[in-house]
Protein backbone atom coordinates (compact mmCIF):
# COMPACT_ATOMS: atom_id res chain seq x y z
CA MET A 1 59.43 89.70 93.88
CA LYS A 2 58.96 86.59 96.02
CA ILE A 3 60.37 87.18 99.51
CA LEU A 4 61.07 84.82 102.41
CA LEU A 5 61.19 86.45 105.86
CA LEU A 6 62.80 84.53 108.71
CA GLY A 7 61.49 84.84 112.27
CA GLY A 8 58.27 84.72 114.23
CA GLY A 9 58.08 87.63 116.69
CA GLY A 10 56.66 91.14 116.85
CA ARG A 11 59.55 92.46 114.79
CA GLU A 12 58.74 90.01 112.01
CA HIS A 13 55.04 90.90 112.05
CA ALA A 14 56.10 94.54 111.62
CA PHE A 15 58.27 93.50 108.65
CA ALA A 16 55.42 91.45 107.20
CA TRP A 17 52.89 94.26 107.71
CA LYS A 18 55.20 96.64 105.87
CA LEU A 19 55.94 94.19 103.05
CA ALA A 20 52.25 93.37 102.57
CA GLN A 21 51.78 97.00 101.43
CA ASP A 22 54.88 96.94 99.22
CA PRO A 23 54.27 96.84 95.45
CA GLY A 24 57.70 95.28 95.05
CA CYS A 25 56.65 92.21 97.04
CA SER A 26 54.47 89.91 94.91
CA GLN A 27 54.45 87.01 97.37
CA LEU A 28 55.56 86.83 101.00
CA PHE A 29 56.52 83.73 102.98
CA ILE A 30 57.34 83.84 106.71
CA ALA A 31 59.27 81.08 108.50
CA PRO A 32 57.99 80.18 110.98
CA GLY A 33 55.81 83.27 111.50
CA ASN A 34 52.94 83.63 113.96
CA ALA A 35 49.18 84.13 113.91
CA GLY A 36 49.61 87.76 112.85
CA THR A 37 52.07 87.20 110.01
CA ALA A 38 49.61 84.67 108.57
CA GLU A 39 47.38 87.66 107.75
CA CYS A 40 50.20 89.23 105.68
CA GLY A 41 51.54 86.24 103.79
CA THR A 42 52.05 82.49 104.01
CA ASN A 43 53.58 80.98 107.12
CA VAL A 44 56.06 78.16 106.53
CA ALA A 45 56.84 75.51 109.16
CA LEU A 46 60.61 76.06 109.04
CA SER A 47 63.07 76.99 111.75
CA ALA A 48 65.05 80.15 111.07
CA THR A 49 68.24 78.16 111.70
CA ASP A 50 67.40 75.20 109.42
CA PHE A 51 69.68 76.32 106.60
CA GLN A 52 69.22 73.24 104.45
CA GLY A 53 65.44 73.42 104.81
CA ILE A 54 65.54 77.12 103.92
CA LYS A 55 67.64 76.34 100.83
CA ASN A 56 65.19 73.70 99.66
CA PHE A 57 62.21 76.02 100.17
CA VAL A 58 63.90 78.95 98.41
CA LEU A 59 64.75 76.86 95.34
CA THR A 60 61.41 75.03 95.20
CA ASN A 61 59.40 78.26 95.47
CA ALA A 62 61.65 80.50 93.34
CA VAL A 63 62.24 82.91 96.24
CA GLN A 64 64.14 86.01 95.07
CA MET A 65 65.12 87.62 98.39
CA LEU A 66 65.74 86.45 101.95
CA ILE A 67 65.17 88.83 104.87
CA VAL A 68 66.62 87.69 108.20
CA GLY A 69 64.76 89.04 111.24
CA PRO A 70 66.49 87.49 114.30
CA GLU A 71 70.18 87.47 115.15
CA GLU A 72 70.86 83.75 115.56
CA PRO A 73 70.78 82.77 111.86
CA LEU A 74 73.09 85.71 111.09
CA VAL A 75 75.60 84.80 113.80
CA ARG A 76 75.49 81.19 112.60
CA GLY A 77 76.34 82.34 109.08
CA ILE A 78 73.25 82.11 106.90
CA VAL A 79 74.61 84.87 104.62
CA ASP A 80 77.83 82.92 104.15
CA PHE A 81 75.78 79.76 103.53
CA PHE A 82 73.96 81.46 100.65
CA GLN A 83 77.12 83.03 99.25
CA ASP A 84 79.01 79.73 99.27
CA ASP A 85 76.28 77.73 97.50
CA PRO A 86 76.25 78.16 93.68
CA ALA A 87 72.49 77.53 93.62
CA LEU A 88 71.85 80.37 96.10
CA THR A 89 74.63 82.88 95.53
CA GLY A 90 72.55 85.19 93.30
CA ILE A 91 69.78 85.59 95.88
CA PRO A 92 70.27 88.70 98.06
CA VAL A 93 70.16 88.12 101.81
CA ILE A 94 69.35 91.08 104.04
CA GLY A 95 71.89 90.81 106.81
CA PRO A 96 75.63 90.71 107.45
CA THR A 97 78.04 87.83 107.07
CA ALA A 98 78.97 85.86 110.19
CA ALA A 99 82.04 88.09 110.56
CA GLY A 100 79.85 91.21 110.63
CA ALA A 101 77.29 89.57 112.90
CA GLN A 102 80.01 89.24 115.55
CA LEU A 103 79.19 92.84 116.44
CA GLU A 104 76.25 91.26 118.26
CA GLY A 105 77.44 87.68 118.59
CA SER A 106 80.44 88.59 120.75
CA LYS A 107 80.46 91.49 123.21
CA ALA A 108 84.26 91.15 123.40
CA PHE A 109 84.59 91.42 119.60
CA ALA A 110 82.39 94.52 119.59
CA LYS A 111 84.41 96.19 122.34
CA LYS A 112 87.71 95.50 120.58
CA PHE A 113 86.24 96.79 117.31
CA MET A 114 85.19 100.03 118.99
CA ALA A 115 88.62 100.42 120.56
CA ARG A 116 90.32 99.96 117.18
CA HIS A 117 88.18 102.63 115.55
CA GLY A 118 87.95 105.17 118.36
CA ILE A 119 84.21 104.72 118.93
CA PRO A 120 83.11 105.95 122.37
CA THR A 121 82.01 103.22 124.78
CA ALA A 122 82.37 102.32 128.46
CA ARG A 123 85.69 101.15 129.91
CA TYR A 124 85.71 97.36 130.10
CA ALA A 125 87.55 94.11 130.73
CA GLU A 126 87.08 90.76 129.01
CA VAL A 127 87.51 87.90 131.49
CA THR A 128 87.36 84.12 131.62
CA THR A 129 88.36 83.72 135.29
CA GLN A 130 86.80 85.06 138.44
CA GLU A 131 90.20 86.18 139.76
CA LYS A 132 90.86 88.52 136.84
CA GLY A 133 87.27 89.71 136.88
CA ALA A 134 87.33 90.48 140.60
CA GLU A 135 90.49 92.55 140.14
CA PHE A 136 88.80 94.72 137.52
CA LEU A 137 85.53 95.00 139.45
CA LYS A 138 87.47 96.45 142.37
CA THR A 139 88.64 99.33 140.14
CA LEU A 140 85.04 100.33 139.37
CA LYS A 141 82.38 102.22 141.24
CA PRO A 142 78.91 100.66 141.63
CA PRO A 143 76.69 99.68 139.99
CA TYR A 144 78.56 96.87 138.21
CA VAL A 145 77.68 95.68 134.70
CA LEU A 146 78.30 92.05 133.70
CA LYS A 147 77.57 90.88 130.14
CA ALA A 148 77.71 87.36 128.73
CA ASP A 149 80.01 87.52 125.71
CA GLY A 150 77.76 85.47 123.41
CA LEU A 151 74.07 85.39 122.54
CA ALA A 152 71.87 84.79 125.58
CA ALA A 153 68.38 85.52 124.24
CA GLY A 154 68.46 89.02 125.72
CA LYS A 155 69.03 87.72 129.26
CA GLY A 156 72.81 87.84 129.55
CA VAL A 157 73.22 91.28 131.17
CA LEU A 158 73.34 91.79 134.94
CA ILE A 159 73.54 95.15 136.74
CA LEU A 160 74.42 94.81 140.42
CA ASP A 161 74.77 97.39 143.17
CA HIS A 162 77.26 95.66 145.50
CA LEU A 163 80.78 94.41 144.83
CA ASP A 164 80.35 91.08 146.64
CA GLU A 165 77.17 90.39 144.65
CA ALA A 166 78.97 91.21 141.40
CA ILE A 167 81.88 88.87 142.19
CA ALA A 168 79.49 86.05 143.11
CA ALA A 169 77.39 86.66 139.98
CA LEU A 170 80.55 86.61 137.84
CA GLU A 171 81.43 83.18 139.21
CA THR A 172 77.96 81.89 138.38
CA MET A 173 78.09 83.30 134.86
CA LEU A 174 81.52 81.87 134.11
CA ALA A 175 80.30 78.49 135.37
CA GLY A 176 77.68 78.45 132.60
CA GLN A 177 74.64 80.36 133.88
CA PHE A 178 73.90 81.34 130.27
CA GLY A 179 75.49 78.28 128.69
CA GLU A 180 78.52 78.77 126.49
CA ALA A 181 77.51 82.42 126.03
CA SER A 182 78.82 83.34 129.49
CA ARG A 183 82.02 81.26 129.59
CA ARG A 184 83.55 84.63 128.71
CA VAL A 185 82.20 87.76 130.42
CA VAL A 186 82.61 91.43 129.58
CA ILE A 187 82.64 93.65 132.67
CA GLU A 188 81.82 97.30 131.97
CA GLU A 189 82.02 100.58 133.77
CA PHE A 190 78.47 101.80 134.39
CA LEU A 191 77.49 104.87 132.36
CA SER A 192 74.85 107.16 133.83
CA GLY A 193 72.53 108.76 131.30
CA ILE A 194 69.46 108.13 129.18
CA GLU A 195 69.36 105.40 126.55
CA PHE A 196 68.07 105.47 122.98
CA SER A 197 68.29 103.32 119.87
CA VAL A 198 69.55 104.25 116.40
CA PHE A 199 69.22 102.09 113.29
CA VAL A 200 71.00 102.26 109.97
CA LEU A 201 70.78 100.28 106.77
CA THR A 202 74.15 99.89 105.05
CA ASP A 203 75.51 98.35 101.88
CA GLY A 204 78.97 98.23 103.42
CA LYS A 205 80.00 101.61 102.03
CA ASN A 206 76.93 103.85 102.11
CA TYR A 207 74.36 104.03 104.88
CA ARG A 208 70.94 105.47 105.53
CA ILE A 209 69.71 106.37 109.01
CA LEU A 210 66.22 105.20 110.00
CA PRO A 211 64.00 106.87 112.63
CA GLU A 212 65.41 106.62 116.15
CA ALA A 213 63.53 105.05 119.07
CA LYS A 214 63.63 104.60 122.83
CA ASP A 215 62.62 101.30 124.38
CA TYR A 216 61.72 100.32 127.94
CA LYS A 217 63.15 97.02 129.19
CA ARG A 218 62.12 96.75 132.84
CA ILE A 219 59.00 94.70 133.60
CA GLY A 220 57.60 97.11 136.19
CA GLU A 221 56.23 100.61 135.90
CA GLY A 222 58.69 103.29 136.86
CA ASP A 223 61.41 101.19 135.22
CA THR A 224 61.52 98.70 138.08
CA GLY A 225 61.95 94.95 138.28
CA LEU A 226 63.63 92.49 135.96
CA ASN A 227 64.89 93.26 132.48
CA THR A 228 62.79 91.90 129.63
CA GLY A 229 63.09 91.80 125.87
CA GLY A 230 61.26 95.14 125.88
CA MET A 231 57.93 96.34 127.27
CA GLY A 232 57.38 99.24 124.87
CA ALA A 233 59.03 101.90 122.72
CA VAL A 234 58.47 105.32 121.22
CA SER A 235 59.71 107.15 118.10
CA PRO A 236 60.87 109.86 117.59
CA VAL A 237 62.81 110.63 120.79
CA PRO A 238 62.35 114.25 121.94
CA PHE A 239 65.77 114.66 123.56
CA VAL A 240 67.66 113.60 120.40
CA THR A 241 68.46 117.10 119.17
CA PRO A 242 70.15 117.97 115.86
CA GLU A 243 73.37 118.54 117.82
CA LEU A 244 73.21 115.08 119.42
CA TRP A 245 72.35 113.53 116.05
CA GLN A 246 75.46 115.08 114.51
CA LYS A 247 77.64 113.64 117.27
CA VAL A 248 76.05 110.20 116.79
CA GLU A 249 76.74 110.25 113.07
CA ASP A 250 80.25 111.69 113.28
CA ARG A 251 81.53 109.73 116.29
CA ILE A 252 79.63 106.43 115.99
CA ILE A 253 77.79 105.65 112.76
CA ARG A 254 80.38 106.82 110.25
CA PRO A 255 83.37 105.22 112.06
CA THR A 256 81.46 101.95 112.45
CA VAL A 257 80.64 101.62 108.75
CA ALA A 258 84.13 102.78 107.76
CA GLY A 259 85.68 100.36 110.25
CA LEU A 260 83.80 97.39 108.82
CA SER A 261 84.94 98.36 105.34
CA ALA A 262 88.55 98.89 106.45
CA GLU A 263 88.59 95.41 108.02
CA ASN A 264 87.09 93.85 104.86
CA ILE A 265 84.03 92.68 106.76
CA GLU A 266 81.13 92.36 104.32
CA TYR A 267 78.04 93.94 105.81
CA LYS A 268 74.79 94.47 103.92
CA GLY A 269 71.97 94.88 106.37
CA PHE A 270 70.84 96.66 109.51
CA ILE A 271 73.05 97.91 112.32
CA PHE A 272 71.34 98.62 115.62
CA PHE A 273 73.19 101.05 117.89
CA GLY A 274 72.16 100.85 121.53
CA LEU A 275 73.30 104.27 122.75
CA ILE A 276 73.35 106.28 125.95
CA ASN A 277 73.36 110.06 126.17
CA VAL A 278 75.83 111.05 128.89
CA GLY A 279 75.73 114.80 129.41
CA GLY A 280 75.14 115.46 125.72
CA ASP A 281 77.70 112.95 124.44
CA PRO A 282 76.67 109.59 122.92
CA TYR A 283 78.32 106.30 123.90
CA VAL A 284 77.71 102.81 122.50
CA ILE A 285 76.22 100.33 124.96
CA GLU A 286 75.82 97.57 122.38
CA TYR A 287 75.54 96.73 118.72
CA ASN A 288 72.92 94.44 117.21
CA CYS A 289 73.23 93.02 113.70
CA ARG A 290 69.49 93.34 112.97
CA MET A 291 66.48 95.50 113.78
CA GLY A 292 65.43 95.71 117.42
CA ASP A 293 62.26 94.41 119.03
CA PRO A 294 60.03 96.23 120.04
CA GLU A 295 61.66 99.23 118.32
CA THR A 296 60.82 97.92 114.85
CA GLU A 297 57.16 98.18 115.81
CA VAL A 298 57.51 102.00 116.00
CA VAL A 299 60.26 102.59 113.41
CA PHE A 300 58.56 100.86 110.45
CA PRO A 301 55.14 102.49 111.04
CA ARG A 302 56.91 105.87 110.65
CA LEU A 303 58.82 104.84 107.51
CA LYS A 304 57.35 105.93 104.18
CA ASN A 305 59.84 104.05 101.99
CA HIS A 306 59.06 100.63 100.57
CA LEU A 307 61.43 98.07 102.05
CA SER A 308 61.89 96.22 98.76
CA GLU A 309 63.36 99.31 97.07
CA LEU A 310 65.73 99.97 99.97
CA PHE A 311 66.87 96.35 100.00
CA ILE A 312 67.43 96.17 96.23
CA LYS A 313 69.52 99.34 96.34
CA MET A 314 71.42 98.01 99.33
CA ALA A 315 72.17 94.68 97.65
CA SER A 316 73.43 96.56 94.58
CA GLY A 317 75.67 98.91 96.57
CA LEU A 318 73.54 101.88 95.55
CA LEU A 319 72.02 102.87 98.87
CA ASP A 320 73.32 106.40 98.37
CA THR A 321 70.77 106.88 95.56
CA VAL A 322 67.74 106.74 97.89
CA GLN A 323 66.57 108.96 100.73
CA ILE A 324 64.72 107.91 103.87
CA GLU A 325 61.27 109.47 104.23
CA THR A 326 59.31 109.44 107.48
CA ILE A 327 55.98 110.64 108.76
CA PRO A 328 56.18 113.35 111.44
CA GLU A 329 53.74 111.75 113.89
CA THR A 330 54.93 109.95 117.01
CA ALA A 331 54.48 106.19 117.20
CA ALA A 332 54.30 104.32 120.52
CA VAL A 333 54.12 100.58 121.15
CA VAL A 334 52.93 98.88 124.31
CA MET A 335 53.71 95.18 124.79
CA LEU A 336 51.09 92.82 126.19
CA VAL A 337 52.86 90.02 128.01
CA ALA A 338 51.89 86.76 129.69
CA ALA A 339 51.63 86.51 133.47
CA GLY A 340 54.99 85.56 134.98
CA TYR A 341 57.10 87.00 132.15
CA PRO A 342 60.12 87.33 132.04
CA GLY A 343 60.19 84.26 134.26
CA ASP A 344 58.04 81.17 133.76
CA TYR A 345 54.83 82.04 131.94
CA ARG A 346 51.72 80.36 130.58
CA LYS A 347 51.14 79.36 126.97
CA GLY A 348 48.06 78.20 125.11
CA ASP A 349 45.52 80.76 126.36
CA GLU A 350 43.00 82.05 123.84
CA ILE A 351 43.36 85.68 122.72
CA ARG A 352 40.22 87.68 122.00
CA ILE A 353 40.13 91.14 120.42
CA ASP A 354 36.80 92.91 120.95
CA ARG A 355 37.47 95.53 118.29
CA ARG A 356 40.35 97.04 116.33
CA ARG A 357 40.69 100.78 116.80
CA GLU A 358 41.45 102.95 113.79
CA GLY A 359 44.99 104.28 113.91
CA SER A 360 46.33 101.36 115.96
CA LEU A 361 48.29 98.32 114.78
CA TYR A 362 47.84 94.94 116.45
CA LEU A 363 51.16 93.23 115.88
CA HIS A 364 51.53 89.65 117.06
CA ALA A 365 54.64 88.42 118.87
CA GLY A 366 54.22 85.18 120.83
CA THR A 367 51.04 83.83 119.22
CA ARG A 368 49.99 80.84 117.14
CA PRO A 369 46.86 79.99 115.16
CA ASP A 370 44.83 77.01 116.34
CA GLY A 371 41.76 75.95 114.40
CA GLY A 372 40.33 79.43 113.92
CA LYS A 373 41.47 80.64 117.33
CA VAL A 374 44.61 82.55 118.26
CA LEU A 375 46.54 81.30 121.31
CA THR A 376 49.38 82.74 123.37
CA ASN A 377 52.72 81.15 122.52
CA GLY A 378 55.37 83.30 124.19
CA GLY A 379 56.16 85.72 126.98
CA ARG A 380 55.62 88.83 124.88
CA VAL A 381 52.26 88.15 123.27
CA MET A 382 51.20 91.24 121.29
CA ALA A 383 52.51 94.70 120.44
CA ILE A 384 49.97 97.51 120.14
CA THR A 385 51.29 100.48 118.16
CA SER A 386 49.44 103.79 117.81
CA TYR A 387 50.13 107.23 116.37
CA GLY A 388 49.78 110.59 118.06
CA LEU A 389 50.90 114.22 117.88
CA SER A 390 52.95 113.66 121.04
CA VAL A 391 54.45 110.80 123.02
CA ALA A 392 51.69 111.11 125.62
CA GLU A 393 48.91 110.94 123.01
CA ALA A 394 50.42 107.98 121.14
CA VAL A 395 50.97 105.99 124.35
CA ALA A 396 47.47 106.77 125.61
CA ARG A 397 45.97 105.47 122.37
CA SER A 398 47.98 102.25 122.56
CA VAL A 399 46.93 101.69 126.18
CA GLU A 400 43.28 102.30 125.19
CA ALA A 401 43.55 99.83 122.30
CA ALA A 402 45.18 97.28 124.61
CA ALA A 403 42.04 97.30 126.74
CA ASP A 404 40.21 95.59 123.87
CA VAL A 405 42.64 92.65 123.82
CA HIS A 406 41.97 89.84 126.30
CA PHE A 407 43.87 86.75 127.41
CA GLU A 408 44.46 85.10 130.77
CA GLY A 409 46.98 87.01 132.90
CA LYS A 410 47.52 89.87 130.44
CA TYR A 411 49.97 92.45 131.74
CA LEU A 412 51.26 95.73 130.28
CA ARG A 413 53.08 98.84 131.35
CA ARG A 414 50.93 101.96 131.11
CA ASP A 415 53.81 104.36 131.77
CA ILE A 416 55.80 103.88 128.55
CA GLY A 417 57.38 107.21 127.55
CA GLN A 418 56.41 109.05 130.74
CA ASP A 419 59.99 110.17 131.28
CA LEU A 420 59.70 112.03 127.94
CA PHE A 421 56.44 113.92 128.63
């Protein structure tokens, strides 16, 4: 099967790495890809949101399946675009329709959806004026959580300790701090607990649960400093007990899939559940309509199944006929980022890898090929994933492998997973 994969980050290199080993994938194209995905297939100079260009490429190259990595094409309706075009309608697209993608595309939509279906989440208010927002903030205890309603490239969430700061930040957000994404803001009650990520693949009726993960978003060790797109992740998560898993499935996963079906929202793809464990009870912090990054870089290395088989079954509504198989070892990923990230950072520095250690994966994120060299091309540059018999061992191996990767200003967190040791 000829497959086109959209995206160009670490998540997409993990997809490409997995598909390159898949007997069901005869030819893989990645648009736009990065220097790492070029080792797994053929990079194509196409934007993931250039729907007409994607159509032309798919038809010209007889592509038989489209896998959508990032959220923006899904929120913009690439699945609907394929379904509405007679020339494309028979080609399965891995991802939800625009209606389903609103679980990620609109925080307000997601909150209302959870309220309708009794899915546990934090108390909230959806506001478009500072006056209404200030009234709700005054009913909460610190810290205060402000979320841009729309997509903000992972930067639209603020957590503030003081009421006056929260009210001032709300004004700035509503004035367009994150563009149109923050013209509407969701204010949430802060939940105290420990976060983890759960992923399912669904055909809209059936679902299969993938390995869980825990990611680390703060730039500094000890979970300090600014939020990032993710500085590392581990899978499995030791504190996710069978009892907690049962609560997650009964209270969150099953009602979410059933709710989508009840509302006639077509959804064939991944659902990411950003969860928090509060005293043994799971609550939803957020939904994503695709796989997470950097969680994919630990989930897929633990997955035995071939993606092509899962996706074919999903597209056919037969996901209940397959079982998810995983390896028991722990996987841990450490992100190597450019100096200055998540603020202004350098691009164009050469990356050199002295050696590749056995048992470690060198997944590219913000990189690009340049005449035989590989250059930095983003804030998160590379993801180093390693296996181990414990979280501590897997993280230590990734940190050791990271020492063999060199570029100007390289930075990483060496304490990923330490709260789980």
